[in-house]
N, C-alpha and C. Protein backbone atom coordinates (compact mmCIF):
# COMPACT_ATOMS: atom_id res chain seq x y z
N MET A 1 120.49 73.62 85.09
CA MET A 1 120.83 74.79 85.37
C MET A 1 120.32 76.19 85.53
N SER A 2 120.64 76.38 83.48
CA SER A 2 119.78 77.33 82.54
C SER A 2 117.96 77.09 82.90
N ASP A 3 117.86 75.94 83.09
CA ASP A 3 116.27 76.29 83.33
C ASP A 3 116.19 76.66 84.50
N PHE A 4 116.64 76.76 85.88
CA PHE A 4 116.28 77.03 87.38
C PHE A 4 116.91 78.74 87.11
N PHE A 5 117.58 79.19 85.97
CA PHE A 5 117.81 81.06 86.00
C PHE A 5 116.31 81.34 85.56
N SER A 6 116.12 80.93 84.04
CA SER A 6 115.08 81.23 82.93
C SER A 6 113.72 81.18 84.34
N PHE A 7 113.92 80.02 84.33
CA PHE A 7 112.78 80.32 85.74
C PHE A 7 112.22 81.41 86.69
N VAL A 8 113.46 81.55 87.08
CA VAL A 8 113.63 82.52 87.90
C VAL A 8 113.48 83.82 87.61
N LEU A 9 113.99 84.19 86.49
CA LEU A 9 113.96 85.25 85.37
C LEU A 9 112.54 85.97 84.89
N ALA A 10 111.97 84.18 84.57
CA ALA A 10 110.27 84.90 84.38
C ALA A 10 109.73 84.71 85.26
N ASN A 11 109.76 84.85 86.82
CA ASN A 11 108.75 85.35 87.71
C ASN A 11 109.53 85.40 88.73
N TYR A 12 110.59 87.22 88.34
CA TYR A 12 111.23 87.38 88.61
C TYR A 12 109.78 88.31 90.00
N ASN A 13 108.75 88.69 89.32
CA ASN A 13 107.73 89.89 90.44
C ASN A 13 107.69 88.99 91.82
N TYR A 14 106.98 87.21 91.39
CA TYR A 14 106.78 86.60 92.59
C TYR A 14 107.81 86.71 93.77
N TRP A 15 109.41 86.31 92.98
CA TRP A 15 110.28 86.42 93.92
C TRP A 15 110.40 87.65 94.72
N ILE A 16 109.91 89.06 94.13
CA ILE A 16 109.56 90.15 94.94
C ILE A 16 108.89 90.41 95.74
N TYR A 17 107.90 89.91 95.68
CA TYR A 17 106.95 89.39 96.80
C TYR A 17 106.98 88.67 97.72
N ILE A 18 107.54 87.88 97.54
CA ILE A 18 108.09 86.66 98.43
C ILE A 18 109.13 87.44 99.51
N THR A 19 110.22 88.40 98.39
CA THR A 19 110.95 89.18 99.40
C THR A 19 110.15 89.94 100.19
N LEU A 20 109.83 91.09 100.21
CA LEU A 20 108.55 91.77 100.66
C LEU A 20 107.49 91.32 101.65
N MET A 21 107.22 89.92 101.61
CA MET A 21 106.19 89.28 102.36
C MET A 21 107.06 88.86 104.04
N MET A 22 108.27 88.23 103.18
CA MET A 22 109.43 87.44 104.50
C MET A 22 110.27 88.65 105.45
N ILE A 23 110.20 90.45 104.91
CA ILE A 23 110.95 91.46 105.13
C ILE A 23 109.42 92.41 106.44
N GLY A 24 108.25 92.03 105.50
CA GLY A 24 107.37 92.44 106.95
C GLY A 24 106.44 90.95 107.43
N LEU A 25 107.45 90.40 107.55
CA LEU A 25 107.46 89.13 108.62
C LEU A 25 108.31 88.95 109.83
N TYR A 26 109.19 89.23 109.38
CA TYR A 26 110.48 89.24 110.52
C TYR A 26 110.66 90.30 110.59
N ALA A 27 109.66 91.73 110.27
CA ALA A 27 109.98 93.04 110.96
C ALA A 27 108.77 92.67 112.50
N MET A 28 108.15 91.73 112.30
CA MET A 28 106.57 91.72 112.86
C MET A 28 107.05 90.65 113.70
N ILE A 29 107.77 90.00 113.86
CA ILE A 29 108.30 88.89 114.99
C ILE A 29 109.80 89.19 115.85
N ALA A 30 110.57 89.87 114.96
CA ALA A 30 111.51 90.24 115.08
C ALA A 30 112.28 91.40 116.06
N LYS A 31 111.28 92.03 115.74
CA LYS A 31 111.44 93.91 116.28
C LYS A 31 110.79 93.63 117.13
N ARG A 32 111.66 94.50 118.34
CA ARG A 32 110.81 95.37 119.77
C ARG A 32 109.95 96.72 119.63
N ASN A 33 110.25 97.38 118.63
CA ASN A 33 109.54 98.50 118.70
C ASN A 33 107.90 98.63 118.42
N LEU A 34 107.04 99.14 119.14
CA LEU A 34 105.91 98.67 118.37
C LEU A 34 105.54 99.04 116.56
N VAL A 35 106.24 100.64 116.58
CA VAL A 35 106.21 101.06 115.41
C VAL A 35 106.88 100.26 114.14
N LYS A 36 107.89 99.79 114.84
CA LYS A 36 108.68 98.89 113.52
C LYS A 36 107.68 97.98 112.86
N LYS A 37 107.08 96.87 114.07
CA LYS A 37 106.23 96.18 114.03
C LYS A 37 104.86 96.42 113.44
N ILE A 38 104.52 97.45 113.37
CA ILE A 38 103.36 98.35 112.76
C ILE A 38 103.60 98.26 110.99
N ILE A 39 104.53 98.81 110.84
CA ILE A 39 105.42 99.36 109.79
C ILE A 39 105.85 97.46 108.68
N GLY A 40 106.79 96.81 109.53
CA GLY A 40 106.13 95.79 108.72
C GLY A 40 104.76 94.67 108.53
N MET A 41 104.12 95.07 109.60
CA MET A 41 102.60 94.49 108.95
C MET A 41 102.17 95.20 107.66
N ASN A 42 102.57 96.81 107.29
CA ASN A 42 101.96 97.57 106.27
C ASN A 42 102.57 96.99 104.60
N ILE A 43 104.28 97.00 105.17
CA ILE A 43 105.14 95.86 104.34
C ILE A 43 104.23 94.55 103.99
N PHE A 44 103.97 93.36 104.75
CA PHE A 44 103.27 92.29 104.51
C PHE A 44 102.12 92.77 104.27
N GLN A 45 101.34 93.54 104.04
CA GLN A 45 100.00 93.42 103.28
C GLN A 45 100.21 94.43 101.78
N THR A 46 101.09 94.98 101.82
CA THR A 46 101.40 95.66 100.74
C THR A 46 101.86 94.44 99.61
N ALA A 47 102.67 93.42 100.20
CA ALA A 47 103.09 92.11 99.51
C ALA A 47 102.04 91.74 99.18
N ILE A 48 100.87 91.32 99.51
CA ILE A 48 99.93 90.33 98.85
C ILE A 48 99.29 91.18 98.45
N ILE A 49 98.73 93.08 98.92
CA ILE A 49 98.20 93.09 97.30
C ILE A 49 99.09 93.26 95.57
N LEU A 50 100.24 93.47 96.34
CA LEU A 50 100.82 93.54 94.57
C LEU A 50 100.47 91.97 93.99
N PHE A 51 101.01 91.21 95.04
CA PHE A 51 100.47 90.01 94.94
C PHE A 51 99.39 89.65 93.86
N TYR A 52 97.89 89.75 94.31
CA TYR A 52 96.85 90.12 93.90
C TYR A 52 96.75 90.61 92.69
N VAL A 53 96.98 92.22 92.39
CA VAL A 53 96.69 92.57 91.84
C VAL A 53 98.08 91.46 90.58
N SER A 54 99.02 91.21 90.54
CA SER A 54 99.91 90.53 89.41
C SER A 54 98.83 89.18 88.82
N ILE A 55 98.45 88.82 89.58
CA ILE A 55 97.98 87.61 89.17
C ILE A 55 96.44 87.78 88.34
N GLY A 56 96.00 89.20 88.22
CA GLY A 56 95.14 89.51 87.94
C GLY A 56 95.31 89.96 86.31
N ALA A 57 96.38 90.15 86.12
CA ALA A 57 96.95 90.87 85.27
C ALA A 57 96.76 89.22 84.12
N LYS A 58 97.13 90.04 82.62
CA LYS A 58 96.79 89.16 81.51
C LYS A 58 97.39 89.96 79.79
N LYS A 59 98.96 89.00 79.74
CA LYS A 59 98.81 89.39 78.61
C LYS A 59 98.10 89.91 77.22
N GLY A 60 97.85 90.42 76.51
CA GLY A 60 97.02 90.25 75.42
C GLY A 60 95.80 90.89 75.84
N ALA A 61 95.32 91.02 76.90
CA ALA A 61 93.86 91.01 77.32
C ALA A 61 93.50 92.90 77.23
N THR A 62 91.88 93.19 77.17
CA THR A 62 91.86 94.28 77.35
C THR A 62 90.81 93.91 78.10
N ILE A 63 90.24 95.32 78.76
CA ILE A 63 89.44 96.02 79.92
C ILE A 63 88.87 95.34 79.47
N PRO A 64 87.18 94.70 80.17
CA PRO A 64 85.78 94.10 80.41
C PRO A 64 84.97 95.12 80.17
N ILE A 65 84.40 95.80 79.10
CA ILE A 65 83.87 96.22 78.30
C ILE A 65 83.20 96.54 77.43
N ILE A 66 82.08 95.86 77.70
CA ILE A 66 82.07 95.04 76.03
C ILE A 66 80.68 96.24 75.69
N ALA A 67 81.41 96.23 73.95
CA ALA A 67 80.73 97.57 73.22
C ALA A 67 79.86 96.72 72.73
N HIS A 68 78.38 97.27 72.66
CA HIS A 68 76.95 96.52 72.23
C HIS A 68 77.31 95.43 72.47
N GLY A 69 77.20 95.05 74.04
CA GLY A 69 76.99 93.50 74.34
C GLY A 69 75.95 93.22 74.36
N HIS A 70 74.57 93.99 73.82
CA HIS A 70 73.75 93.43 73.36
C HIS A 70 73.01 92.53 72.15
N GLY A 71 74.08 92.78 71.41
CA GLY A 71 74.08 92.87 69.82
C GLY A 71 74.23 93.91 69.52
N ASP A 72 73.86 94.23 67.75
CA ASP A 72 73.36 94.89 67.12
C ASP A 72 71.67 95.94 67.26
N HIS A 73 71.56 96.90 66.93
CA HIS A 73 70.42 97.29 66.78
C HIS A 73 69.34 96.79 66.09
N ASP A 74 69.72 95.46 65.05
CA ASP A 74 68.39 95.30 64.25
C ASP A 74 68.33 94.23 65.29
N GLY A 75 68.67 93.29 66.41
CA GLY A 75 68.03 92.71 67.55
C GLY A 75 69.54 91.14 66.90
N LEU A 76 70.26 91.21 66.22
CA LEU A 76 71.05 89.62 65.91
C LEU A 76 72.22 90.12 66.82
N SER A 77 72.19 89.29 66.60
CA SER A 77 73.52 88.88 68.01
C SER A 77 74.94 89.26 67.25
N ALA A 78 75.81 89.78 68.09
CA ALA A 78 77.12 90.41 67.09
C ALA A 78 78.05 88.43 67.75
N GLY A 79 77.24 87.85 68.27
CA GLY A 79 78.79 86.77 68.78
C GLY A 79 78.76 87.05 70.11
N ALA A 80 79.46 85.93 70.17
CA ALA A 80 79.59 85.41 71.13
C ALA A 80 80.80 85.97 71.81
N VAL A 81 80.71 86.59 73.43
CA VAL A 81 82.04 86.99 73.99
C VAL A 81 82.68 85.91 74.32
N LYS A 82 83.95 85.86 74.08
CA LYS A 82 85.19 85.88 74.49
C LYS A 82 85.82 85.72 75.76
N ALA A 83 85.18 85.13 76.96
CA ALA A 83 86.59 85.65 78.28
C ALA A 83 88.09 85.49 78.43
N VAL A 84 87.98 84.85 77.60
CA VAL A 84 89.88 85.13 77.42
C VAL A 84 90.10 86.09 76.99
N ASP A 85 89.48 87.09 76.44
CA ASP A 85 90.24 88.24 75.23
C ASP A 85 90.18 89.52 76.77
N TYR A 86 89.39 88.86 77.79
CA TYR A 86 89.25 90.34 79.36
C TYR A 86 90.49 90.27 80.40
N ILE A 87 90.78 91.21 81.16
CA ILE A 87 91.41 90.73 82.33
C ILE A 87 89.99 90.64 83.10
N ASN A 88 90.40 89.87 83.85
CA ASN A 88 89.14 89.72 85.53
C ASN A 88 89.59 90.72 86.04
N PRO A 89 88.21 91.48 86.51
CA PRO A 89 88.89 92.61 86.90
C PRO A 89 87.75 92.17 88.33
N LEU A 90 87.67 90.56 88.98
CA LEU A 90 87.64 91.10 90.47
C LEU A 90 88.97 91.09 91.79
N PRO A 91 89.77 90.49 91.02
CA PRO A 91 91.48 91.01 91.72
C PRO A 91 91.80 92.36 92.00
N HIS A 92 90.72 93.23 90.89
CA HIS A 92 91.49 93.82 91.31
C HIS A 92 90.71 94.72 92.34
N VAL A 93 89.24 94.84 92.05
CA VAL A 93 88.48 95.48 92.90
C VAL A 93 88.41 94.95 94.28
N LEU A 94 88.75 93.56 94.02
CA LEU A 94 89.44 93.17 95.83
C LEU A 94 90.14 93.86 96.59
N MET A 95 91.16 94.31 95.81
CA MET A 95 92.20 94.59 96.37
C MET A 95 92.28 96.25 96.62
N LEU A 96 91.07 96.61 95.72
CA LEU A 96 90.77 98.06 96.09
C LEU A 96 90.46 97.74 97.83
N THR A 97 89.40 97.24 97.74
CA THR A 97 88.70 97.05 99.21
C THR A 97 89.99 96.67 100.06
N ALA A 98 90.76 95.80 99.92
CA ALA A 98 92.01 95.60 100.48
C ALA A 98 92.92 96.89 100.68
N ILE A 99 93.14 97.56 100.04
CA ILE A 99 93.93 98.96 100.32
C ILE A 99 93.42 100.27 101.24
N VAL A 100 91.77 99.76 101.05
CA VAL A 100 90.93 101.01 102.18
C VAL A 100 91.34 100.09 103.65
N VAL A 101 91.15 99.01 103.77
CA VAL A 101 91.72 97.85 105.15
C VAL A 101 92.69 98.53 105.73
N SER A 102 93.21 98.01 104.87
CA SER A 102 95.07 98.26 104.94
C SER A 102 95.38 99.91 105.82
N VAL A 103 94.96 100.49 104.93
CA VAL A 103 94.64 102.09 105.63
C VAL A 103 94.38 102.11 107.05
N ALA A 104 92.84 101.31 107.03
CA ALA A 104 92.15 101.79 108.07
C ALA A 104 92.98 100.99 108.93
N THR A 105 93.48 100.25 108.74
CA THR A 105 94.10 99.19 110.07
C THR A 105 95.61 99.82 110.30
N LEU A 106 96.20 100.44 109.71
CA LEU A 106 97.41 101.43 109.93
C LEU A 106 96.88 102.17 110.57
N GLY A 107 96.02 102.99 110.70
CA GLY A 107 95.45 104.09 111.20
C GLY A 107 95.13 104.02 112.59
N VAL A 108 94.58 102.79 112.98
CA VAL A 108 94.03 102.23 114.11
C VAL A 108 94.95 102.00 115.10
N ALA A 109 96.06 100.83 113.82
CA ALA A 109 97.27 100.71 114.82
C ALA A 109 98.30 102.15 115.36
N LEU A 110 98.73 103.07 114.41
CA LEU A 110 99.45 104.26 115.05
C LEU A 110 98.38 105.11 116.42
N ALA A 111 97.41 104.65 116.31
CA ALA A 111 97.04 105.25 117.07
C ALA A 111 96.71 104.79 118.47
N LEU A 112 96.39 103.59 118.20
CA LEU A 112 96.68 102.72 119.99
C LEU A 112 98.44 102.58 119.82
N ALA A 113 99.10 102.92 119.25
CA ALA A 113 101.04 103.34 119.68
C ALA A 113 100.93 104.59 120.52
N ILE A 114 99.90 105.25 119.96
CA ILE A 114 99.77 106.84 120.70
C ILE A 114 99.61 107.08 122.03
N LYS A 115 98.36 106.23 122.35
CA LYS A 115 98.23 105.93 123.02
C LYS A 115 98.96 104.90 124.37
N VAL A 116 99.51 103.94 123.90
CA VAL A 116 100.46 103.21 125.13
C VAL A 116 101.07 103.81 124.87
N TYR A 117 102.16 104.76 124.29
CA TYR A 117 103.19 105.61 124.43
C TYR A 117 103.09 106.67 125.30
N ASN A 118 101.97 107.12 125.37
CA ASN A 118 100.97 108.41 125.91
C ASN A 118 101.34 107.44 127.18
N ARG A 119 100.91 106.69 127.52
CA ARG A 119 100.81 105.75 128.47
C ARG A 119 101.72 105.32 130.10
N TYR A 120 103.23 104.20 128.97
CA TYR A 120 103.83 103.85 129.15
C TYR A 120 105.31 104.47 128.92
N LYS A 121 105.37 105.88 128.10
CA LYS A 121 106.31 106.97 127.53
C LYS A 121 107.74 105.89 126.74
N THR A 122 107.15 105.07 126.29
CA THR A 122 108.21 104.09 125.33
C THR A 122 107.08 103.42 124.58
N LEU A 123 107.40 102.98 123.34
CA LEU A 123 106.97 102.03 122.18
C LEU A 123 107.83 100.57 122.85
N GLU A 124 108.90 100.36 123.50
CA GLU A 124 109.66 99.76 123.12
C GLU A 124 108.72 97.99 124.07
N GLU A 125 108.87 97.31 123.31
CA GLU A 125 107.77 96.00 123.69
C GLU A 125 108.54 95.18 125.57
N GLU A 126 109.25 95.33 125.64
CA GLU A 126 110.50 94.91 127.10
C GLU A 126 109.82 95.92 128.53
N GLU A 127 110.11 97.07 127.55
CA GLU A 127 110.00 97.93 128.81
C GLU A 127 108.35 97.86 129.09
N ILE A 128 107.25 98.02 127.86
CA ILE A 128 106.05 98.06 128.59
C ILE A 128 105.68 97.24 129.45
N LEU A 129 105.59 95.47 128.70
CA LEU A 129 105.83 94.66 129.70
C LEU A 129 106.36 94.55 131.30
N THR A 130 107.79 95.74 131.24
CA THR A 130 108.32 95.41 132.43
C THR A 130 107.37 96.54 133.63
N GLN A 131 107.17 97.59 132.60
CA GLN A 131 105.88 98.60 133.64
C GLN A 131 104.01 97.35 133.79
N VAL A 132 104.17 96.74 132.96
CA VAL A 132 102.70 95.98 133.47
C VAL A 132 102.93 94.79 134.41
N ARG A 133 103.64 94.40 134.49
CA ARG A 133 104.63 93.35 135.60
C ARG A 133 104.42 93.79 136.84
N GLY A 134 105.45 95.18 136.80
CA GLY A 134 105.58 95.63 138.00
C GLY A 134 104.34 96.57 138.21
N ARG A 135 103.09 96.78 137.77
CA ARG A 135 101.90 96.86 138.47
C ARG A 135 101.22 96.12 139.06
């Protein structure tokens, strides 16, 4: 049992991401208000971004900027570069793109929610469906 608790404590960040993802998924599925669904989608996206950024981190590593990467000025090689000593920048760069897409998605979704509200005077899913079926 102590191994289980040490495993959970060693990976607490993953449990936080799973919890955030489940909160976002629950909000998208169970809530009937469109704004609550949109916020749930945003929480879900944020949890995924945090997860990918956390797996891109490495203890004891440094940023991947190599000083004098082409050897010294005499033309002699300074030695091979060890990739293990550097953080992989790809997950962080991809998540910057994902953040931009997330903000754009949130903006479009909220704009559509405003249009739905202007047309149906409500953001409740059941009332909108009732009005659509009644026409």
